[in-house]
N, C-alpha and C. Protein backbone atom coordinates (compact mmCIF):
# COMPACT_ATOMS: atom_id res chain seq x y z
N MET A 1 90.21 53.80 70.22
CA MET A 1 91.11 52.72 69.90
C MET A 1 91.42 51.84 71.10
N ALA A 2 91.27 52.38 72.30
CA ALA A 2 91.57 51.59 73.49
C ALA A 2 90.64 50.41 73.61
N GLY A 3 89.38 50.56 73.19
CA GLY A 3 88.42 49.46 73.25
C GLY A 3 88.80 48.31 72.33
N ALA A 4 89.42 48.62 71.21
CA ALA A 4 89.81 47.57 70.27
C ALA A 4 91.00 46.77 70.79
N VAL A 5 91.84 47.42 71.60
CA VAL A 5 93.03 46.75 72.12
C VAL A 5 92.66 45.83 73.28
N GLU A 6 91.76 46.27 74.15
CA GLU A 6 91.37 45.48 75.31
C GLU A 6 90.24 44.54 74.93
N ARG A 7 90.56 43.27 74.82
CA ARG A 7 89.55 42.26 74.46
C ARG A 7 89.50 41.22 75.56
N LYS A 8 89.13 41.63 76.74
CA LYS A 8 89.06 40.71 77.87
C LYS A 8 87.83 39.83 77.73
N GLY A 9 87.99 38.55 78.03
CA GLY A 9 86.88 37.63 77.99
C GLY A 9 86.53 37.13 76.61
N LYS A 10 87.33 37.44 75.63
CA LYS A 10 87.05 36.98 74.27
C LYS A 10 87.47 35.52 74.17
N LYS A 11 86.59 34.69 73.61
CA LYS A 11 86.84 33.24 73.58
C LYS A 11 88.03 32.89 72.69
N ASP A 12 87.99 33.29 71.44
CA ASP A 12 89.08 32.96 70.53
C ASP A 12 89.65 34.25 69.96
N ASP A 13 90.80 34.63 70.43
CA ASP A 13 91.43 35.87 69.99
C ASP A 13 92.55 35.53 69.02
N ASN A 14 92.18 34.97 67.87
CA ASN A 14 93.18 34.61 66.88
C ASN A 14 93.02 35.48 65.64
N GLY A 15 93.86 35.30 64.68
CA GLY A 15 93.82 36.12 63.47
C GLY A 15 92.56 35.94 62.65
N ILE A 16 92.06 34.71 62.56
CA ILE A 16 90.86 34.46 61.76
C ILE A 16 89.65 35.10 62.41
N GLY A 17 89.53 34.97 63.72
CA GLY A 17 88.41 35.58 64.43
C GLY A 17 88.40 37.09 64.31
N THR A 18 89.58 37.69 64.39
CA THR A 18 89.69 39.14 64.25
C THR A 18 89.32 39.57 62.84
N ALA A 19 89.75 38.80 61.85
CA ALA A 19 89.41 39.13 60.46
C ALA A 19 87.91 39.02 60.22
N ILE A 20 87.28 38.00 60.77
CA ILE A 20 85.83 37.84 60.62
C ILE A 20 85.10 39.00 61.28
N ASP A 21 85.54 39.39 62.48
CA ASP A 21 84.92 40.53 63.16
C ASP A 21 85.05 41.79 62.32
N PHE A 22 86.20 41.99 61.71
CA PHE A 22 86.41 43.19 60.89
C PHE A 22 85.50 43.19 59.66
N VAL A 23 85.39 42.03 59.01
CA VAL A 23 84.54 41.94 57.81
C VAL A 23 83.09 42.18 58.18
N LEU A 24 82.63 41.56 59.27
CA LEU A 24 81.24 41.73 59.66
C LEU A 24 80.94 43.16 60.08
N SER A 25 81.89 43.83 60.72
CA SER A 25 81.64 45.20 61.15
C SER A 25 81.57 46.15 59.96
N ASN A 26 82.27 45.84 58.88
CA ASN A 26 82.24 46.70 57.71
C ASN A 26 81.25 46.25 56.65
N ALA A 27 80.64 45.10 56.83
CA ALA A 27 79.70 44.58 55.82
C ALA A 27 78.47 45.46 55.71
N ARG A 28 78.07 46.09 56.80
CA ARG A 28 76.88 46.93 56.76
C ARG A 28 77.08 48.11 55.82
N LEU A 29 78.29 48.63 55.74
CA LEU A 29 78.56 49.74 54.84
C LEU A 29 78.48 49.31 53.38
N VAL A 30 78.94 48.10 53.09
CA VAL A 30 79.01 47.63 51.72
C VAL A 30 77.69 47.00 51.26
N LEU A 31 77.11 46.14 52.09
CA LEU A 31 75.96 45.35 51.69
C LEU A 31 74.62 45.92 52.14
N GLY A 32 74.63 46.84 53.06
CA GLY A 32 73.39 47.30 53.65
C GLY A 32 73.02 46.42 54.83
N VAL A 33 71.94 46.76 55.50
CA VAL A 33 71.57 46.05 56.71
C VAL A 33 71.15 44.61 56.40
N GLY A 34 70.36 44.40 55.36
CA GLY A 34 69.90 43.05 55.02
C GLY A 34 71.04 42.14 54.61
N GLY A 35 71.95 42.65 53.80
CA GLY A 35 73.09 41.85 53.38
C GLY A 35 74.02 41.51 54.53
N ALA A 36 74.20 42.46 55.45
CA ALA A 36 75.04 42.20 56.61
C ALA A 36 74.42 41.14 57.50
N ALA A 37 73.10 41.17 57.64
CA ALA A 37 72.42 40.15 58.44
C ALA A 37 72.58 38.77 57.81
N MET A 38 72.44 38.68 56.49
CA MET A 38 72.61 37.40 55.81
C MET A 38 74.04 36.89 55.94
N LEU A 39 75.02 37.79 55.82
CA LEU A 39 76.41 37.40 55.97
C LEU A 39 76.69 36.92 57.38
N GLY A 40 76.12 37.60 58.37
CA GLY A 40 76.30 37.19 59.76
C GLY A 40 75.71 35.81 60.03
N ILE A 41 74.53 35.54 59.50
CA ILE A 41 73.89 34.24 59.69
C ILE A 41 74.71 33.14 59.01
N ALA A 42 75.20 33.41 57.81
CA ALA A 42 76.02 32.42 57.11
C ALA A 42 77.32 32.17 57.85
N THR A 43 77.91 33.22 58.41
CA THR A 43 79.16 33.07 59.15
C THR A 43 78.95 32.22 60.40
N LEU A 44 77.85 32.46 61.11
CA LEU A 44 77.56 31.66 62.30
C LEU A 44 77.32 30.20 61.95
N ALA A 45 76.67 29.95 60.81
CA ALA A 45 76.42 28.57 60.40
C ALA A 45 77.73 27.85 60.10
N VAL A 46 78.64 28.52 59.41
CA VAL A 46 79.93 27.91 59.09
C VAL A 46 80.74 27.70 60.36
N LYS A 47 80.70 28.67 61.27
CA LYS A 47 81.43 28.54 62.53
C LYS A 47 80.90 27.36 63.34
N ARG A 48 79.59 27.17 63.35
CA ARG A 48 78.99 26.06 64.08
C ARG A 48 79.43 24.72 63.48
N MET A 49 79.47 24.65 62.15
CA MET A 49 79.92 23.41 61.51
C MET A 49 81.39 23.16 61.83
N TYR A 50 82.21 24.20 61.79
CA TYR A 50 83.64 24.07 62.06
C TYR A 50 83.87 23.65 63.51
N ASP A 51 83.16 24.28 64.45
CA ASP A 51 83.31 23.94 65.86
C ASP A 51 82.82 22.52 66.14
N GLY A 52 81.78 22.11 65.45
CA GLY A 52 81.25 20.76 65.65
C GLY A 52 82.22 19.69 65.20
N ARG A 53 82.98 19.97 64.18
CA ARG A 53 83.96 18.99 63.69
C ARG A 53 85.22 18.98 64.52
N SER A 54 85.57 20.09 65.17
CA SER A 54 86.81 20.16 65.92
C SER A 54 86.67 19.58 67.32
N VAL A 55 85.44 19.41 67.82
CA VAL A 55 85.23 18.85 69.15
C VAL A 55 85.25 17.33 69.03
N PRO A 56 86.11 16.67 69.83
CA PRO A 56 86.15 15.21 69.74
C PRO A 56 84.86 14.58 70.24
N GLN A 57 84.42 13.55 69.55
CA GLN A 57 83.19 12.85 69.92
C GLN A 57 83.49 11.88 71.06
N PRO A 58 82.56 11.76 72.02
CA PRO A 58 82.79 10.82 73.13
C PRO A 58 82.74 9.37 72.63
N ALA A 59 83.50 8.52 73.30
CA ALA A 59 83.55 7.11 72.93
C ALA A 59 82.24 6.43 73.33
N PRO A 60 81.79 5.47 72.55
CA PRO A 60 80.55 4.76 72.91
C PRO A 60 80.75 3.96 74.21
N LEU A 61 79.68 3.86 74.99
CA LEU A 61 79.77 3.18 76.28
C LEU A 61 79.77 1.66 76.14
N ALA A 62 79.07 1.15 75.18
CA ALA A 62 78.99 -0.31 75.07
C ALA A 62 79.73 -0.82 73.87
């Protein structure tokens, strides 16, 4: 349990990130290895879209 408490260097230590980590860690038990891999890929795709929208776009130079 000590490893779960110490999360040094974690980029986003919020409730949503912790919930996603929990779901992905238990998905292998429910879905099997293939299903867990598909869920992980889908989660990363959604995270990339979300992060892309939250980063402000630079202003045009001209």
